[in-house]
Amino acid sequence: MRKDGVNPDMLILGSAAQEMLLQNEKFLKLLDNRRVEIGEIKPAELENGIGYLGRMIVPGSAFDLYTYEEWIPDEVEKDANGHPVLKPIVDPETVIIQSSREKNSMLYGAITYVDRGGNFVTRMQEYVPRRWWTENPSQKFVSISTRPLPMPHDLKSWYVLKGVVTGAA
């Protein structure tokens, strides 16, 4: 990443990668050195499933370590009852390396639905609110749909390491 002009300063760890790091004797021994401060592990719970682990300093870089524990329903894979299977946004065995100083944008995909008249309607906006009702039984429903798409301006500003825990490629 540095050869491409990017200085990463953040690591986002999946839950299994975080456990592996915090149980790694070599890593923990580096932190427990009275004369050299390599970093500190000082976990803090932030908001919306984000956890802060601490800071790690390696030659030429300092990384803030984060975890992200939000789970979302997979609309394709269903369980035995036909309900969407919940999956973590960040795979447990993944580490994401990125720079917080690189420019990024949040784009939103189109939402298509059928309106009360049976017509397909497509909206391109951040949030698409909808409401509908049934008469028998009498029920009213409200939903808000969104299709966020994070877009880095420079594809070389982040790197995803998969299979960190198992060693899979």
Protein backbone atom coordinates (compact mmCIF):
# COMPACT_ATOMS: atom_id res chain seq x y z
CA MET A 1 0.00 0.00 0.00
CA ARG A 2 2.84 2.38 0.78
CA LYS A 3 4.33 1.83 -2.69
CA ASP A 4 1.03 3.16 -4.05
CA GLY A 5 1.22 6.30 -1.90
CA VAL A 6 -1.17 5.17 0.83
CA ASN A 7 -0.25 5.12 4.52
CA PRO A 8 -2.72 2.84 6.28
CA ASP A 9 -3.65 3.68 9.86
CA MET A 10 -6.63 1.42 10.65
CA LEU A 11 -7.19 -2.31 11.05
CA ILE A 12 -10.73 -3.69 11.22
CA LEU A 13 -10.73 -7.23 12.59
CA GLY A 14 -13.40 -9.89 12.34
CA SER A 15 -14.35 -11.52 15.64
CA ALA A 16 -12.16 -14.63 15.16
CA ALA A 17 -9.20 -12.51 13.98
CA GLN A 18 -9.58 -10.34 17.10
CA GLU A 19 -9.59 -13.38 19.38
CA MET A 20 -6.53 -14.79 17.63
CA LEU A 21 -4.63 -11.50 18.04
CA LEU A 22 -5.49 -11.17 21.73
CA GLN A 23 -4.38 -14.77 22.39
CA ASN A 24 -1.14 -14.50 20.41
CA GLU A 25 1.69 -14.82 22.94
CA LYS A 26 4.26 -13.11 20.69
CA PHE A 27 1.98 -10.07 20.21
CA LEU A 28 1.13 -9.84 23.92
CA LYS A 29 4.83 -10.11 24.84
CA LEU A 30 5.63 -7.15 22.53
CA LEU A 31 3.05 -5.06 24.40
CA ASP A 32 4.51 -6.05 27.80
CA ASN A 33 7.89 -4.34 27.48
CA ARG A 34 8.91 -1.71 30.03
CA ARG A 35 11.37 0.15 27.77
CA VAL A 36 9.59 0.09 24.39
CA GLU A 37 5.97 1.04 23.83
CA ILE A 38 4.69 -0.93 20.85
CA GLY A 39 1.07 -0.07 21.58
CA GLU A 40 -1.71 -0.57 24.03
CA ILE A 41 -4.82 -2.67 24.14
CA LYS A 42 -7.57 -0.65 25.78
CA PRO A 43 -10.93 -1.98 24.56
CA ALA A 44 -13.86 0.41 24.38
CA GLU A 45 -17.37 -0.09 23.08
CA LEU A 46 -18.29 2.54 20.52
CA GLU A 47 -21.66 2.82 18.80
CA ASN A 48 -23.51 0.64 16.28
CA GLY A 49 -21.50 -2.55 16.75
CA ILE A 50 -18.09 -0.87 16.52
CA GLY A 51 -15.49 -1.79 19.12
CA TYR A 52 -12.13 -0.08 19.66
CA LEU A 53 -9.33 -2.44 20.73
CA GLY A 54 -6.39 -0.07 21.02
CA ARG A 55 -3.32 1.13 19.14
CA MET A 56 -0.39 -0.78 17.65
CA ILE A 57 2.83 0.83 16.49
CA VAL A 58 5.06 -0.85 13.92
CA PRO A 59 8.05 0.71 12.14
CA GLY A 60 6.69 3.51 9.98
CA SER A 61 3.03 3.17 10.98
CA ALA A 62 0.62 3.40 13.85
CA PHE A 63 -2.65 1.48 13.57
CA ASP A 64 -5.89 1.93 15.46
CA LEU A 65 -7.52 -1.50 15.90
CA TYR A 66 -11.29 -1.85 15.53
CA THR A 67 -13.87 -4.63 15.41
CA TYR A 68 -17.26 -4.46 13.75
CA GLU A 69 -19.95 -6.80 15.03
CA GLU A 70 -23.10 -5.91 13.08
CA TRP A 71 -25.07 -8.76 11.53
CA ILE A 72 -27.56 -8.46 8.67
CA PRO A 73 -30.11 -10.82 7.11
CA ASP A 74 -28.97 -12.56 3.93
CA GLU A 75 -31.89 -12.14 1.53
CA VAL A 76 -30.72 -15.10 -0.59
CA GLU A 77 -29.92 -17.77 2.02
CA LYS A 78 -32.90 -18.89 4.10
CA ASP A 79 -33.15 -21.14 7.17
CA ALA A 80 -35.48 -24.16 7.47
CA ASN A 81 -38.43 -21.85 8.30
CA GLY A 82 -37.83 -19.63 5.26
CA HIS A 83 -36.36 -16.74 7.29
CA PRO A 84 -33.21 -14.96 6.09
CA VAL A 85 -30.02 -16.30 7.69
CA LEU A 86 -28.14 -13.68 9.74
CA LYS A 87 -24.53 -13.09 8.66
CA PRO A 88 -21.82 -10.76 9.96
CA ILE A 89 -20.95 -7.74 7.80
CA VAL A 90 -17.25 -8.35 8.49
CA ASP A 91 -16.35 -12.02 8.10
CA PRO A 92 -14.97 -13.33 11.44
CA GLU A 93 -11.66 -14.42 9.86
CA THR A 94 -11.02 -11.19 7.96
CA VAL A 95 -8.73 -8.23 8.60
CA ILE A 96 -9.25 -4.99 6.66
CA ILE A 97 -6.31 -2.60 6.37
CA GLN A 98 -7.15 0.95 5.35
CA SER A 99 -6.31 4.60 5.62
CA SER A 100 -8.71 6.97 7.37
CA ARG A 101 -7.20 9.87 5.41
CA GLU A 102 -8.27 8.67 1.96
CA LYS A 103 -11.38 10.11 0.33
CA ASN A 104 -14.48 7.95 0.18
CA SER A 105 -18.10 8.50 -0.80
CA MET A 106 -21.35 6.80 0.07
CA LEU A 107 -23.52 6.10 -2.95
CA TYR A 108 -26.99 4.59 -2.92
CA GLY A 109 -28.50 2.06 -5.31
CA ALA A 110 -32.00 2.22 -6.73
CA ILE A 111 -34.96 0.70 -4.88
CA THR A 112 -37.72 -0.82 -7.03
CA TYR A 113 -41.11 -1.79 -5.61
CA VAL A 114 -44.72 -2.28 -6.70
CA ASP A 115 -47.10 0.54 -5.71
CA ARG A 116 -50.81 0.18 -4.78
CA GLY A 117 -51.79 0.48 -8.45
CA GLY A 118 -49.62 -2.51 -9.42
CA ASN A 119 -46.99 -0.35 -11.15
CA PHE A 120 -43.26 -0.79 -10.70
CA VAL A 121 -41.69 2.30 -9.15
CA THR A 122 -37.93 2.90 -8.96
CA ARG A 123 -36.46 5.52 -6.65
CA MET A 124 -32.85 6.59 -6.38
CA GLN A 125 -32.36 8.18 -2.99
CA GLU A 126 -30.67 7.51 0.33
CA TYR A 127 -33.78 6.15 2.09
CA VAL A 128 -37.05 5.06 0.44
CA PRO A 129 -39.98 5.09 2.86
CA ARG A 130 -43.06 2.98 2.08
CA ARG A 131 -46.35 2.29 3.76
CA TRP A 132 -49.11 -0.16 2.93
CA TRP A 133 -52.01 -1.88 4.58
CA THR A 134 -54.28 -4.88 4.39
CA GLU A 135 -58.00 -4.90 5.13
CA ASN A 136 -58.49 -8.48 6.30
CA PRO A 137 -56.88 -8.76 8.77
CA SER A 138 -56.59 -5.02 9.42
CA GLN A 139 -52.87 -4.22 9.45
CA LYS A 140 -50.68 -1.27 8.60
CA PHE A 141 -47.02 -1.63 7.60
CA VAL A 142 -44.17 0.84 7.32
CA SER A 143 -40.72 0.16 5.89
CA ILE A 144 -37.62 2.11 5.00
CA SER A 145 -35.31 0.64 2.36
CA THR A 146 -31.77 1.63 1.51
CA ARG A 147 -28.97 0.22 -0.63
CA PRO A 148 -25.75 1.85 0.55
CA LEU A 149 -22.61 1.36 -1.51
CA PRO A 150 -19.37 2.66 0.02
CA MET A 151 -17.07 3.86 -2.73
CA PRO A 152 -13.38 4.48 -2.13
CA HIS A 153 -11.93 7.04 -4.53
CA ASP A 154 -8.68 5.09 -4.63
CA LEU A 155 -8.99 1.29 -4.76
CA LYS A 156 -5.46 0.98 -3.39
CA SER A 157 -6.45 2.75 -0.14
CA TRP A 158 -7.67 -0.50 1.50
CA TYR A 159 -6.79 -4.16 1.49
CA VAL A 160 -8.79 -7.17 2.68
CA LEU A 161 -7.02 -10.20 4.17
CA LYS A 162 -9.34 -13.22 4.22
CA GLY A 163 -8.82 -16.48 6.07
CA VAL A 164 -6.42 -14.93 8.59
CA VAL A 165 -7.35 -17.37 11.35
CA THR A 166 -7.49 -20.61 9.36
CA GLY A 167 -4.71 -19.67 6.95
CA ALA A 168 -7.02 -20.06 3.95
CA ALA A 169 -6.24 -17.97 0.89
